Amino acid sequence: MTRSTKLVAAVNRLQAIELRKSGLTLEAISYELGVSTTMVHKYLTKALTDLSARHINETEEYRALQVSRLEGLLVPAYTAALGGDLNAVEKARKVIDSLSDLMGCKAPQKLAASTPDGDSFHNPVNELTPEERRARIRELQKKLGYTVVEAEH
């Protein structure tokens, strides 16, 4: 690919993105740029891939900066904690906890639906028979104004 061909492709990619953002279809963009819809699709795919890679890199840079900051806070707190300072123990624990969150080191926690007081969530629908569920669904459909078609079983 020549230098001018690469330049044309880069310009077309930018134009394709702008046209797509303005709501044009791939066919309309293809017509505007004078290329096939396949080429428009390739332009958009490449642009989105590049954008995604850039965001991943920026995220990794931000994460590295935050790790560095937290490690800077951890050193004095950890040193003081080893010396017996109980306040420093709590500070060091919080910094370590933040580092664990940032680095994804914590095990996933199981979440379950529950009431505000922590009891298991009771769902009365689970106690209905299949026929009672179907009857309830038909009732709600009628209430909402949907045409209910009775299926044979």
Protein backbone atom coordinates (compact mmCIF):
# COMPACT_ATOMS: atom_id res chain seq x y z
CA MET A 1 0.00 0.00 0.00
CA THR A 2 1.45 3.32 -1.05
CA ARG A 3 1.70 6.33 1.18
CA SER A 4 -1.07 8.18 -0.70
CA THR A 5 -3.34 5.11 -0.54
CA LYS A 6 -2.84 4.94 3.24
CA LEU A 7 -3.63 8.63 3.52
CA VAL A 8 -6.83 8.25 1.48
CA ALA A 9 -7.88 5.28 3.63
CA ALA A 10 -7.25 7.26 6.84
CA VAL A 11 -9.27 10.21 5.58
CA ASN A 12 -12.07 7.89 4.42
CA ARG A 13 -12.07 6.20 7.85
CA LEU A 14 -12.55 9.55 9.57
CA GLN A 15 -15.26 10.59 7.13
CA ALA A 16 -16.99 7.21 7.49
CA ILE A 17 -17.09 7.61 11.27
CA GLU A 18 -18.53 11.11 11.04
CA LEU A 19 -21.13 10.06 8.48
CA ARG A 20 -22.10 7.03 10.56
CA LYS A 21 -22.41 9.18 13.68
CA SER A 22 -24.73 11.48 11.74
CA GLY A 23 -27.00 8.49 11.07
CA LEU A 24 -26.14 7.44 7.54
CA THR A 25 -26.39 3.79 6.55
CA LEU A 26 -23.39 1.87 5.24
CA GLU A 27 -24.87 2.12 1.76
CA ALA A 28 -25.21 5.92 2.00
CA ILE A 29 -21.66 6.24 3.32
CA SER A 30 -20.47 3.99 0.50
CA TYR A 31 -22.14 6.31 -2.02
CA GLU A 32 -20.70 9.45 -0.35
CA LEU A 33 -17.15 8.08 -0.28
CA GLY A 34 -17.32 6.30 -3.63
CA VAL A 35 -16.30 2.92 -2.19
CA SER A 36 -18.06 -0.39 -1.61
CA THR A 37 -20.13 -1.08 1.50
CA THR A 38 -17.59 -3.79 2.35
CA MET A 39 -14.86 -1.14 2.38
CA VAL A 40 -17.02 1.15 4.56
CA HIS A 41 -17.50 -1.73 6.98
CA LYS A 42 -13.72 -2.28 7.04
CA TYR A 43 -13.12 1.44 7.67
CA LEU A 44 -15.55 1.48 10.58
CA THR A 45 -14.27 -1.79 12.05
CA LYS A 46 -10.66 -0.56 11.91
CA ALA A 47 -11.59 2.78 13.47
CA LEU A 48 -13.46 1.08 16.33
CA THR A 49 -10.62 -1.39 16.88
CA ASP A 50 -8.10 1.47 17.06
CA LEU A 51 -10.35 3.41 19.44
CA SER A 52 -10.78 0.38 21.67
CA ALA A 53 -7.03 -0.26 21.79
CA ARG A 54 -6.38 3.37 22.67
CA HIS A 55 -8.88 3.24 25.53
CA ILE A 56 -7.38 0.01 26.82
CA ASN A 57 -3.92 1.62 26.83
CA GLU A 58 -5.23 4.74 28.59
CA THR A 59 -6.98 2.58 31.18
CA GLU A 60 -3.80 0.59 31.82
CA GLU A 61 -1.79 3.81 32.18
CA TYR A 62 -4.33 5.16 34.67
CA ARG A 63 -4.31 1.89 36.62
CA ALA A 64 -0.47 1.95 36.78
CA LEU A 65 -0.57 5.55 38.05
CA GLN A 66 -3.10 4.65 40.75
CA VAL A 67 -1.06 1.60 41.80
CA SER A 68 2.02 3.79 42.09
CA ARG A 69 0.14 6.30 44.23
CA LEU A 70 -1.29 3.62 46.49
CA GLU A 71 2.09 1.95 46.88
CA GLY A 72 3.52 5.33 47.87
CA LEU A 73 0.87 5.58 50.59
CA LEU A 74 1.42 1.99 51.68
CA VAL A 75 5.16 2.23 52.42
CA PRO A 76 4.96 4.66 55.38
CA ALA A 77 1.74 3.13 56.72
CA TYR A 78 3.13 -0.40 56.51
CA THR A 79 6.42 0.63 58.15
CA ALA A 80 4.55 2.33 61.00
CA ALA A 81 2.22 -0.67 61.33
CA LEU A 82 5.20 -3.01 61.72
CA GLY A 83 6.40 -0.69 64.47
CA GLY A 84 3.18 -1.30 66.40
CA ASP A 85 1.12 1.78 65.44
CA LEU A 86 -2.47 0.48 65.47
CA ASN A 87 -3.81 3.45 63.44
CA ALA A 88 -1.21 2.68 60.79
CA VAL A 89 -2.34 -0.97 60.73
CA GLU A 90 -5.85 0.18 59.74
CA LYS A 91 -4.48 2.63 57.15
CA ALA A 92 -2.24 -0.03 55.63
CA ARG A 93 -5.14 -2.49 55.52
CA LYS A 94 -7.29 0.05 53.66
CA VAL A 95 -4.53 0.78 51.14
CA ILE A 96 -3.95 -2.95 50.59
CA ASP A 97 -7.72 -3.38 50.14
CA SER A 98 -7.75 -0.57 47.55
CA LEU A 99 -4.82 -2.16 45.71
CA SER A 100 -6.61 -5.50 45.70
CA ASP A 101 -9.72 -3.89 44.22
CA LEU A 102 -7.70 -2.02 41.59
CA MET A 103 -5.75 -5.10 40.52
CA GLY A 104 -8.78 -7.42 40.53
CA CYS A 105 -7.30 -9.70 43.19
CA LYS A 106 -10.49 -10.25 45.16
CA ALA A 107 -12.55 -13.37 44.64
CA PRO A 108 -15.99 -12.74 43.15
CA GLN A 109 -18.78 -12.55 45.68
CA LYS A 110 -22.01 -14.42 45.25
CA LEU A 111 -25.00 -12.11 45.25
CA ALA A 112 -28.51 -13.30 45.96
CA ALA A 113 -31.80 -11.49 45.95
CA SER A 114 -32.92 -10.74 49.47
CA THR A 115 -35.28 -8.52 51.42
CA PRO A 116 -33.95 -5.31 53.03
CA ASP A 117 -33.49 -7.17 56.32
CA GLY A 118 -31.33 -9.84 54.64
CA ASP A 119 -33.84 -12.69 54.49
CA SER A 120 -34.17 -14.79 51.36
CA PHE A 121 -36.37 -13.20 48.74
CA HIS A 122 -39.75 -14.89 48.46
CA ASN A 123 -41.14 -14.97 44.93
CA PRO A 124 -44.76 -16.19 44.92
CA VAL A 125 -44.61 -16.82 41.16
CA ASN A 126 -42.34 -19.79 41.87
CA GLU A 127 -45.22 -21.44 43.76
CA LEU A 128 -47.62 -21.32 40.79
CA THR A 129 -48.22 -24.32 38.60
CA PRO A 130 -47.47 -23.89 34.87
CA GLU A 131 -51.22 -23.55 34.15
CA GLU A 132 -51.62 -20.92 36.89
CA ARG A 133 -48.68 -18.98 35.42
CA ARG A 134 -50.20 -19.10 31.94
CA ALA A 135 -53.55 -17.91 33.35
CA ARG A 136 -51.81 -15.04 35.18
CA ILE A 137 -49.93 -14.04 32.02
CA ARG A 138 -53.18 -14.07 29.99
CA GLU A 139 -54.85 -11.94 32.68
CA LEU A 140 -52.01 -9.37 32.57
CA GLN A 141 -51.99 -9.34 28.77
CA LYS A 142 -55.73 -8.59 28.71
CA LYS A 143 -55.28 -5.90 31.35
CA LEU A 144 -52.56 -4.25 29.20
CA GLY A 145 -54.73 -4.44 26.08
CA TYR A 146 -52.82 -7.14 24.20
CA THR A 147 -54.68 -9.56 21.96
CA VAL A 148 -54.52 -12.89 23.72
CA VAL A 149 -54.29 -15.96 21.51
CA GLU A 150 -55.07 -19.19 23.29
CA ALA A 151 -52.58 -21.91 22.39
CA GLU A 152 -53.60 -25.52 22.37
CA HIS A 153 -51.63 -27.85 24.63
